[in-house]
PDB file of N, CA and C in Angstrom:
ATOM      1  N   MET A   1     -62.669  11.396 -37.526  1.00  0.00           N
ATOM      2  CA  MET A   1     -61.135  11.985 -37.660  1.00  0.00           C
ATOM      3  C   MET A   1     -61.595  13.452 -36.561  1.00  0.00           C
ATOM      4  N   ARG A   2     -62.863  13.970 -36.513  1.00  0.00           N
ATOM      5  CA  ARG A   2     -62.880  15.266 -35.694  1.00  0.00           C
ATOM      6  C   ARG A   2     -62.732  14.572 -34.509  1.00  0.00           C
ATOM      7  N   ASP A   3     -63.171  13.712 -33.988  1.00  0.00           N
ATOM      8  CA  ASP A   3     -62.925  13.051 -32.488  1.00  0.00           C
ATOM      9  C   ASP A   3     -61.481  13.006 -32.313  1.00  0.00           C
ATOM     10  N   SER A   4     -60.415  13.052 -33.183  1.00  0.00           N
ATOM     11  CA  SER A   4     -59.006  12.604 -33.032  1.00  0.00           C
ATOM     12  C   SER A   4     -58.355  14.029 -32.980  1.00  0.00           C
ATOM     13  N   GLY A   5     -58.943  15.333 -33.018  1.00  0.00           N
ATOM     14  CA  GLY A   5     -58.801  16.641 -33.205  1.00  0.00           C
ATOM     15  C   GLY A   5     -58.748  17.165 -34.696  1.00  0.00           C
ATOM     16  N   VAL A   6     -58.751  16.501 -35.746  1.00  0.00           N
ATOM     17  CA  VAL A   6     -58.546  16.974 -37.226  1.00  0.00           C
ATOM     18  C   VAL A   6     -59.846  17.662 -37.231  1.00  0.00           C
ATOM     19  N   LYS A   7     -59.494  19.124 -38.085  1.00  0.00           N
ATOM     20  CA  LYS A   7     -60.659  19.887 -38.576  1.00  0.00           C
ATOM     21  C   LYS A   7     -61.390  19.277 -39.605  1.00  0.00           C
ATOM     22  N   VAL A   8     -62.495  18.675 -39.678  1.00  0.00           N
ATOM     23  CA  VAL A   8     -63.515  18.469 -40.797  1.00  0.00           C
ATOM     24  C   VAL A   8     -64.392  19.252 -41.363  1.00  0.00           C
ATOM     25  N   ILE A   9     -64.293  19.669 -42.623  1.00  0.00           N
ATOM     26  CA  ILE A   9     -65.044  20.169 -43.484  1.00  0.00           C
ATOM     27  C   ILE A   9     -65.606  19.437 -44.480  1.00  0.00           C
ATOM     28  N   LEU A  10     -66.944  19.422 -44.458  1.00  0.00           N
ATOM     29  CA  LEU A  10     -67.528  18.499 -45.455  1.00  0.00           C
ATOM     30  C   LEU A  10     -68.097  19.664 -46.557  1.00  0.00           C
ATOM     31  N   GLY A  11     -68.030  19.013 -47.746  1.00  0.00           N
ATOM     32  CA  GLY A  11     -68.579  19.566 -49.081  1.00  0.00           C
ATOM     33  C   GLY A  11     -69.715  18.843 -49.669  1.00  0.00           C
ATOM     34  N   LEU A  12     -70.782  19.374 -49.222  1.00  0.00           N
ATOM     35  CA  LEU A  12     -72.275  19.041 -49.822  1.00  0.00           C
ATOM     36  C   LEU A  12     -73.138  20.019 -50.433  1.00  0.00           C
ATOM     37  N   ARG A  13     -74.249  19.450 -51.145  1.00  0.00           N
ATOM     38  CA  ARG A  13     -75.182  20.035 -51.649  1.00  0.00           C
ATOM     39  C   ARG A  13     -76.116  20.519 -50.382  1.00  0.00           C
ATOM     40  N   ALA A  14     -76.044  22.165 -50.440  1.00  0.00           N
ATOM     41  CA  ALA A  14     -76.549  23.034 -49.485  1.00  0.00           C
ATOM     42  C   ALA A  14     -78.399  22.407 -48.921  1.00  0.00           C
ATOM     43  N   ASP A  15     -78.881  21.873 -50.033  1.00  0.00           N
ATOM     44  CA  ASP A  15     -80.418  21.781 -50.062  1.00  0.00           C
ATOM     45  C   ASP A  15     -80.581  20.212 -49.712  1.00  0.00           C
ATOM     46  N   GLY A  16     -79.478  19.336 -49.519  1.00  0.00           N
ATOM     47  CA  GLY A  16     -79.650  18.112 -49.470  1.00  0.00           C
ATOM     48  C   GLY A  16     -79.894  17.729 -47.993  1.00  0.00           C
ATOM     49  N   ASN A  17     -80.145  16.123 -47.701  1.00  0.00           N
ATOM     50  CA  ASN A  17     -80.320  15.800 -46.195  1.00  0.00           C
ATOM     51  C   ASN A  17     -78.980  15.620 -45.601  1.00  0.00           C
ATOM     52  N   SER A  18     -78.145  15.318 -46.591  1.00  0.00           N
ATOM     53  CA  SER A  18     -76.844  15.227 -45.685  1.00  0.00           C
ATOM     54  C   SER A  18     -76.256  16.503 -44.874  1.00  0.00           C
ATOM     55  N   ALA A  19     -76.607  17.454 -45.687  1.00  0.00           N
ATOM     56  CA  ALA A  19     -75.790  18.816 -45.374  1.00  0.00           C
ATOM     57  C   ALA A  19     -77.074  19.107 -43.980  1.00  0.00           C
ATOM     58  N   LYS A  20     -78.100  18.911 -43.829  1.00  0.00           N
ATOM     59  CA  LYS A  20     -78.845  19.010 -42.734  1.00  0.00           C
ATOM     60  C   LYS A  20     -78.337  18.460 -41.766  1.00  0.00           C
ATOM     61  N   ASN A  21     -78.247  17.002 -41.960  1.00  0.00           N
ATOM     62  CA  ASN A  21     -77.828  16.219 -40.650  1.00  0.00           C
ATOM     63  C   ASN A  21     -76.300  16.523 -40.424  1.00  0.00           C
ATOM     64  N   ALA A  22     -75.509  16.909 -41.241  1.00  0.00           N
ATOM     65  CA  ALA A  22     -74.068  17.100 -40.787  1.00  0.00           C
ATOM     66  C   ALA A  22     -74.070  18.355 -39.971  1.00  0.00           C
ATOM     67  N   ARG A  23     -74.812  19.325 -40.268  1.00  0.00           N
ATOM     68  CA  ARG A  23     -75.067  20.708 -39.421  1.00  0.00           C
ATOM     69  C   ARG A  23     -75.507  20.320 -38.078  1.00  0.00           C
ATOM     70  N   LEU A  24     -76.491  19.633 -38.119  1.00  0.00           N
ATOM     71  CA  LEU A  24     -76.994  19.006 -36.515  1.00  0.00           C
ATOM     72  C   LEU A  24     -76.113  18.213 -36.007  1.00  0.00           C
ATOM     73  N   ASP A  25     -75.209  17.479 -36.559  1.00  0.00           N
ATOM     74  CA  ASP A  25     -74.034  16.887 -35.807  1.00  0.00           C
ATOM     75  C   ASP A  25     -72.807  17.923 -35.457  1.00  0.00           C
ATOM     76  N   GLY A  26     -72.838  18.994 -36.177  1.00  0.00           N
ATOM     77  CA  GLY A  26     -71.853  19.970 -35.466  1.00  0.00           C
ATOM     78  C   GLY A  26     -70.846  20.060 -36.594  1.00  0.00           C
ATOM     79  N   PHE A  27     -70.765  19.629 -37.729  1.00  0.00           N
ATOM     80  CA  PHE A  27     -69.608  19.749 -38.798  1.00  0.00           C
ATOM     81  C   PHE A  27     -69.917  21.260 -39.350  1.00  0.00           C
ATOM     82  N   GLU A  28     -68.891  21.507 -40.184  1.00  0.00           N
ATOM     83  CA  GLU A  28     -68.796  22.848 -41.036  1.00  0.00           C
ATOM     84  C   GLU A  28     -69.087  22.227 -42.206  1.00  0.00           C
ATOM     85  N   VAL A  29     -70.213  22.736 -42.853  1.00  0.00           N
ATOM     86  CA  VAL A  29     -70.759  22.229 -44.228  1.00  0.00           C
ATOM     87  C   VAL A  29     -70.552  23.278 -45.175  1.00  0.00           C
ATOM     88  N   LEU A  30     -69.854  23.220 -46.291  1.00  0.00           N
ATOM     89  CA  LEU A  30     -69.744  24.387 -47.236  1.00  0.00           C
ATOM     90  C   LEU A  30     -70.225  23.734 -48.804  1.00  0.00           C
ATOM     91  N   SER A  31     -70.092  24.541 -49.458  1.00  0.00           N
ATOM     92  CA  SER A  31     -70.363  23.698 -51.134  1.00  0.00           C
ATOM     93  C   SER A  31     -68.951  23.231 -51.320  1.00  0.00           C
ATOM     94  N   VAL A  32     -68.910  22.330 -52.170  1.00  0.00           N
ATOM     95  CA  VAL A  32     -67.904  21.243 -52.436  1.00  0.00           C
ATOM     96  C   VAL A  32     -66.627  22.087 -53.062  1.00  0.00           C
ATOM     97  N   SER A  33     -67.187  23.254 -53.866  1.00  0.00           N
ATOM     98  CA  SER A  33     -65.898  24.019 -54.325  1.00  0.00           C
ATOM     99  C   SER A  33     -65.287  24.848 -53.022  1.00  0.00           C
ATOM    100  N   GLU A  34     -66.192  25.567 -52.245  1.00  0.00           N
ATOM    101  CA  GLU A  34     -65.413  26.001 -51.053  1.00  0.00           C
ATOM    102  C   GLU A  34     -64.612  25.112 -50.322  1.00  0.00           C
ATOM    103  N   ALA A  35     -65.335  24.084 -49.848  1.00  0.00           N
ATOM    104  CA  ALA A  35     -64.756  23.062 -49.068  1.00  0.00           C
ATOM    105  C   ALA A  35     -63.042  22.701 -49.551  1.00  0.00           C
ATOM    106  N   ALA A  36     -63.251  22.501 -50.993  1.00  0.00           N
ATOM    107  CA  ALA A  36     -62.041  22.147 -51.760  1.00  0.00           C
ATOM    108  C   ALA A  36     -61.114  23.497 -51.671  1.00  0.00           C
ATOM    109  N   LYS A  37     -61.252  24.693 -51.604  1.00  0.00           N
ATOM    110  CA  LYS A  37     -60.215  25.563 -51.481  1.00  0.00           C
ATOM    111  C   LYS A  37     -60.046  25.698 -50.309  1.00  0.00           C
ATOM    112  N   LYS A  38     -60.443  25.532 -49.063  1.00  0.00           N
ATOM    113  CA  LYS A  38     -60.245  25.514 -47.565  1.00  0.00           C
ATOM    114  C   LYS A  38     -59.127  24.290 -47.501  1.00  0.00           C
ATOM    115  N   ALA A  39     -59.668  23.029 -47.689  1.00  0.00           N
ATOM    116  CA  ALA A  39     -58.825  21.879 -47.567  1.00  0.00           C
ATOM    117  C   ALA A  39     -57.489  21.349 -47.918  1.00  0.00           C
ATOM    118  N   ASP A  40     -56.798  20.945 -46.738  1.00  0.00           N
ATOM    119  CA  ASP A  40     -55.506  20.457 -47.450  1.00  0.00           C
ATOM    120  C   ASP A  40     -55.762  19.116 -47.652  1.00  0.00           C
ATOM    121  N   ILE A  41     -56.598  18.160 -47.051  1.00  0.00           N
ATOM    122  CA  ILE A  41     -56.741  16.947 -47.808  1.00  0.00           C
ATOM    123  C   ILE A  41     -58.240  16.619 -48.104  1.00  0.00           C
ATOM    124  N   ILE A  42     -58.120  16.310 -49.476  1.00  0.00           N
ATOM    125  CA  ILE A  42     -59.640  16.391 -50.234  1.00  0.00           C
ATOM    126  C   ILE A  42     -59.969  14.875 -50.196  1.00  0.00           C
ATOM    127  N   HIS A  43     -61.032  14.324 -49.637  1.00  0.00           N
ATOM    128  CA  HIS A  43     -61.201  13.027 -49.904  1.00  0.00           C
ATOM    129  C   HIS A  43     -62.825  12.811 -50.714  1.00  0.00           C
ATOM    130  N   ILE A  44     -62.600  11.858 -51.452  1.00  0.00           N
ATOM    131  CA  ILE A  44     -63.800  12.155 -52.473  1.00  0.00           C
ATOM    132  C   ILE A  44     -64.541  10.775 -52.060  1.00  0.00           C
ATOM    133  N   LEU A  45     -65.926  11.356 -51.483  1.00  0.00           N
ATOM    134  CA  LEU A  45     -66.736   9.873 -51.091  1.00  0.00           C
ATOM    135  C   LEU A  45     -68.194  10.075 -51.584  1.00  0.00           C
ATOM    136  N   ILE A  46     -68.151  10.240 -53.033  1.00  0.00           N
ATOM    137  CA  ILE A  46     -69.388  10.146 -53.988  1.00  0.00           C
ATOM    138  C   ILE A  46     -69.460   9.159 -54.580  1.00  0.00           C
ATOM    139  N   PRO A  47     -70.609   8.857 -55.202  1.00  0.00           N
ATOM    140  CA  PRO A  47     -70.677   7.679 -56.175  1.00  0.00           C
ATOM    141  C   PRO A  47     -69.689   7.902 -57.525  1.00  0.00           C
ATOM    142  N   ASP A  48     -69.152   6.865 -57.936  1.00  0.00           N
ATOM    143  CA  ASP A  48     -68.376   6.798 -59.186  1.00  0.00           C
ATOM    144  C   ASP A  48     -68.841   7.484 -60.259  1.00  0.00           C
ATOM    145  N   GLN A  49     -70.086   7.295 -60.505  1.00  0.00           N
ATOM    146  CA  GLN A  49     -70.766   8.119 -62.126  1.00  0.00           C
ATOM    147  C   GLN A  49     -70.702   9.557 -61.457  1.00  0.00           C
ATOM    148  N   HIS A  50     -70.731  10.141 -60.301  1.00  0.00           N
ATOM    149  CA  HIS A  50     -70.586  11.499 -60.462  1.00  0.00           C
ATOM    150  C   HIS A  50     -69.189  12.107 -59.834  1.00  0.00           C
ATOM    151  N   GLN A  51     -68.176  11.413 -59.595  1.00  0.00           N
ATOM    152  CA  GLN A  51     -66.918  11.909 -59.426  1.00  0.00           C
ATOM    153  C   GLN A  51     -66.236  12.972 -60.373  1.00  0.00           C
ATOM    154  N   ARG A  52     -66.479  12.408 -61.511  1.00  0.00           N
ATOM    155  CA  ARG A  52     -65.428  13.082 -62.747  1.00  0.00           C
ATOM    156  C   ARG A  52     -66.012  14.464 -62.944  1.00  0.00           C
ATOM    157  N   SER A  53     -67.439  14.683 -62.870  1.00  0.00           N
ATOM    158  CA  SER A  53     -68.033  15.978 -63.185  1.00  0.00           C
ATOM    159  C   SER A  53     -67.764  16.815 -61.915  1.00  0.00           C
ATOM    160  N   VAL A  54     -67.908  16.398 -60.908  1.00  0.00           N
ATOM    161  CA  VAL A  54     -67.959  17.154 -59.349  1.00  0.00           C
ATOM    162  C   VAL A  54     -66.017  17.460 -59.481  1.00  0.00           C
ATOM    163  N   TYR A  55     -65.149  16.688 -59.641  1.00  0.00           N
ATOM    164  CA  TYR A  55     -63.652  16.968 -59.801  1.00  0.00           C
ATOM    165  C   TYR A  55     -63.371  17.820 -60.801  1.00  0.00           C
ATOM    166  N   GLU A  56     -63.906  17.786 -61.798  1.00  0.00           N
ATOM    167  CA  GLU A  56     -63.633  18.645 -62.930  1.00  0.00           C
ATOM    168  C   GLU A  56     -63.854  20.219 -62.641  1.00  0.00           C
ATOM    169  N   LYS A  57     -65.275  20.279 -61.999  1.00  0.00           N
ATOM    170  CA  LYS A  57     -66.148  21.448 -61.938  1.00  0.00           C
ATOM    171  C   LYS A  57     -65.903  22.273 -60.541  1.00  0.00           C
ATOM    172  N   ASP A  58     -65.594  21.390 -59.475  1.00  0.00           N
ATOM    173  CA  ASP A  58     -65.509  21.848 -58.218  1.00  0.00           C
ATOM    174  C   ASP A  58     -63.841  21.742 -57.456  1.00  0.00           C
ATOM    175  N   ILE A  59     -63.623  20.645 -57.901  1.00  0.00           N
ATOM    176  CA  ILE A  59     -61.830  20.136 -57.059  1.00  0.00           C
ATOM    177  C   ILE A  59     -60.491  20.741 -57.701  1.00  0.00           C
ATOM    178  N   LYS A  60     -60.684  20.171 -59.022  1.00  0.00           N
ATOM    179  CA  LYS A  60     -59.354  20.357 -59.461  1.00  0.00           C
ATOM    180  C   LYS A  60     -59.060  21.980 -59.568  1.00  0.00           C
ATOM    181  N   PRO A  61     -60.063  22.937 -59.656  1.00  0.00           N
ATOM    182  CA  PRO A  61     -59.502  24.515 -59.960  1.00  0.00           C
ATOM    183  C   PRO A  61     -58.748  24.651 -58.226  1.00  0.00           C
ATOM    184  N   ALA A  62     -59.141  23.860 -57.419  1.00  0.00           N
ATOM    185  CA  ALA A  62     -58.737  24.321 -55.892  1.00  0.00           C
ATOM    186  C   ALA A  62     -57.310  23.594 -55.738  1.00  0.00           C
ATOM    187  N   MET A  63     -57.161  22.242 -56.582  1.00  0.00           N
ATOM    188  CA  MET A  63     -55.923  21.575 -56.159  1.00  0.00           C
ATOM    189  C   MET A  63     -54.593  22.558 -56.524  1.00  0.00           C
ATOM    190  N   THR A  64     -54.119  23.038 -55.413  1.00  0.00           N
ATOM    191  CA  THR A  64     -52.858  24.047 -55.486  1.00  0.00           C
ATOM    192  C   THR A  64     -51.755  22.857 -54.968  1.00  0.00           C
ATOM    193  N   PRO A  65     -50.364  23.309 -55.088  1.00  0.00           N
ATOM    194  CA  PRO A  65     -49.475  22.509 -54.282  1.00  0.00           C
ATOM    195  C   PRO A  65     -49.433  22.362 -52.922  1.00  0.00           C
ATOM    196  N   GLY A  66     -49.265  21.165 -52.704  1.00  0.00           N
ATOM    197  CA  GLY A  66     -49.259  20.906 -51.022  1.00  0.00           C
ATOM    198  C   GLY A  66     -50.509  20.019 -50.688  1.00  0.00           C
ATOM    199  N   LYS A  67     -51.483  20.087 -51.434  1.00  0.00           N
ATOM    200  CA  LYS A  67     -53.057  19.516 -51.171  1.00  0.00           C
ATOM    201  C   LYS A  67     -52.922  18.045 -51.629  1.00  0.00           C
ATOM    202  N   SER A  68     -53.660  17.156 -50.610  1.00  0.00           N
ATOM    203  CA  SER A  68     -53.772  15.641 -51.114  1.00  0.00           C
ATOM    204  C   SER A  68     -55.116  15.332 -51.507  1.00  0.00           C
ATOM    205  N   LEU A  69     -55.133  14.336 -52.637  1.00  0.00           N
ATOM    206  CA  LEU A  69     -56.525  13.978 -53.151  1.00  0.00           C
ATOM    207  C   LEU A  69     -56.523  12.640 -52.711  1.00  0.00           C
ATOM    208  N   MET A  70     -57.720  11.972 -52.223  1.00  0.00           N
ATOM    209  CA  MET A  70     -58.036  10.811 -52.011  1.00  0.00           C
ATOM    210  C   MET A  70     -59.266  10.470 -52.543  1.00  0.00           C
ATOM    211  N   PHE A  71     -59.359   9.053 -52.755  1.00  0.00           N
ATOM    212  CA  PHE A  71     -60.643   8.287 -53.144  1.00  0.00           C
ATOM    213  C   PHE A  71     -60.712   6.912 -52.439  1.00  0.00           C
ATOM    214  N   SER A  72     -61.797   6.947 -52.042  1.00  0.00           N
ATOM    215  CA  SER A  72     -62.492   5.734 -51.252  1.00  0.00           C
ATOM    216  C   SER A  72     -62.809   4.654 -52.346  1.00  0.00           C
ATOM    217  N   HIS A  73     -62.800   5.030 -53.702  1.00  0.00           N
ATOM    218  CA  HIS A  73     -63.039   3.967 -54.397  1.00  0.00           C
ATOM    219  C   HIS A  73     -62.140   4.443 -55.738  1.00  0.00           C
ATOM    220  N   GLY A  74     -61.309   3.640 -56.348  1.00  0.00           N
ATOM    221  CA  GLY A  74     -60.471   3.868 -57.671  1.00  0.00           C
ATOM    222  C   GLY A  74     -60.805   3.832 -58.905  1.00  0.00           C
ATOM    223  N   PHE A  75     -62.104   3.491 -59.205  1.00  0.00           N
ATOM    224  CA  PHE A  75     -62.524   3.272 -60.439  1.00  0.00           C
ATOM    225  C   PHE A  75     -61.997   4.335 -61.575  1.00  0.00           C
ATOM    226  N   ASN A  76     -62.725   5.845 -61.165  1.00  0.00           N
ATOM    227  CA  ASN A  76     -62.138   6.773 -62.239  1.00  0.00           C
ATOM    228  C   ASN A  76     -60.717   6.930 -62.096  1.00  0.00           C
ATOM    229  N   ILE A  77     -59.856   6.685 -60.905  1.00  0.00           N
ATOM    230  CA  ILE A  77     -58.169   7.061 -61.183  1.00  0.00           C
ATOM    231  C   ILE A  77     -58.035   5.750 -62.255  1.00  0.00           C
ATOM    232  N   ARG A  78     -58.033   4.443 -61.827  1.00  0.00           N
ATOM    233  CA  ARG A  78     -57.897   3.357 -62.650  1.00  0.00           C
ATOM    234  C   ARG A  78     -58.171   3.189 -63.961  1.00  0.00           C
ATOM    235  N   PHE A  79     -59.504   3.697 -64.554  1.00  0.00           N
ATOM    236  CA  PHE A  79     -59.639   3.828 -65.835  1.00  0.00           C
ATOM    237  C   PHE A  79     -59.245   5.121 -66.492  1.00  0.00           C
ATOM    238  N   LYS A  80     -58.567   6.142 -65.696  1.00  0.00           N
ATOM    239  CA  LYS A  80     -58.195   7.149 -66.307  1.00  0.00           C
ATOM    240  C   LYS A  80     -59.393   8.345 -66.745  1.00  0.00           C
ATOM    241  N   LEU A  81     -60.646   8.138 -65.826  1.00  0.00           N
ATOM    242  CA  LEU A  81     -61.538   9.298 -65.836  1.00  0.00           C
ATOM    243  C   LEU A  81     -61.276  10.377 -65.302  1.00  0.00           C
ATOM    244  N   ILE A  82     -60.300  10.480 -64.280  1.00  0.00           N
ATOM    245  CA  ILE A  82     -59.980  11.597 -63.537  1.00  0.00           C
ATOM    246  C   ILE A  82     -58.379  11.690 -63.471  1.00  0.00           C
ATOM    247  N   ALA A  83     -57.788  12.295 -63.928  1.00  0.00           N
ATOM    248  CA  ALA A  83     -56.166  12.603 -64.006  1.00  0.00           C
ATOM    249  C   ALA A  83     -56.123  13.707 -63.498  1.00  0.00           C
ATOM    250  N   PRO A  84     -55.410  13.492 -62.198  1.00  0.00           N
ATOM    251  CA  PRO A  84     -54.866  14.638 -61.181  1.00  0.00           C
ATOM    252  C   PRO A  84     -53.431  15.182 -61.821  1.00  0.00           C
ATOM    253  N   ARG A  85     -53.391  16.513 -61.327  1.00  0.00           N
ATOM    254  CA  ARG A  85     -51.778  16.804 -61.864  1.00  0.00           C
ATOM    255  C   ARG A  85     -50.879  15.905 -60.931  1.00  0.00           C
ATOM    256  N   LYS A  86     -49.430  16.084 -61.509  1.00  0.00           N
ATOM    257  CA  LYS A  86     -48.821  15.105 -60.568  1.00  0.00           C
ATOM    258  C   LYS A  86     -48.096  15.966 -59.454  1.00  0.00           C
ATOM    259  N   ALA A  87     -47.824  15.341 -58.528  1.00  0.00           N
ATOM    260  CA  ALA A  87     -47.242  15.724 -57.264  1.00  0.00           C
ATOM    261  C   ALA A  87     -46.007  16.539 -57.529  1.00  0.00           C
ATOM    262  N   SER A  88     -45.988  17.804 -56.841  1.00  0.00           N
ATOM    263  CA  SER A  88     -44.619  18.528 -56.977  1.00  0.00           C
ATOM    264  C   SER A  88     -43.672  17.702 -56.237  1.00  0.00           C
ATOM    265  N   THR A  89     -42.465  18.037 -56.308  1.00  0.00           N
ATOM    266  CA  THR A  89     -41.358  17.504 -55.464  1.00  0.00           C
ATOM    267  C   THR A  89     -40.599  18.742 -55.086  1.00  0.00           C
TER     268      THR A  89
END
C-alpha cells in the first residue's frame, strides 16, 4: 500500500521485534491506540485470541464516524466477540 502512495501507520508494541523491523523499513510506528486515533482505515492483523482485548482497549475508543474497520480473519466478528458500532449513513 505504501508503494502505491497510501500513508501507512503501524500500531505495534514499542518493544517488539516487529516495531524495530518496521522502523528500519521506514514505516511510522505508533502504539495501537495512537495509530487508531490517526488512521482512517484500521486493519486488524493480529491473532484471533488477542483481537477482542486490543479492540476494546485501543481501537474502539478511536472509532469515530468516517473510519473503516477491517479484519483479515472474521472469527471475532462471526462469533460476535467484537461488535463494532453500526455505520452511520
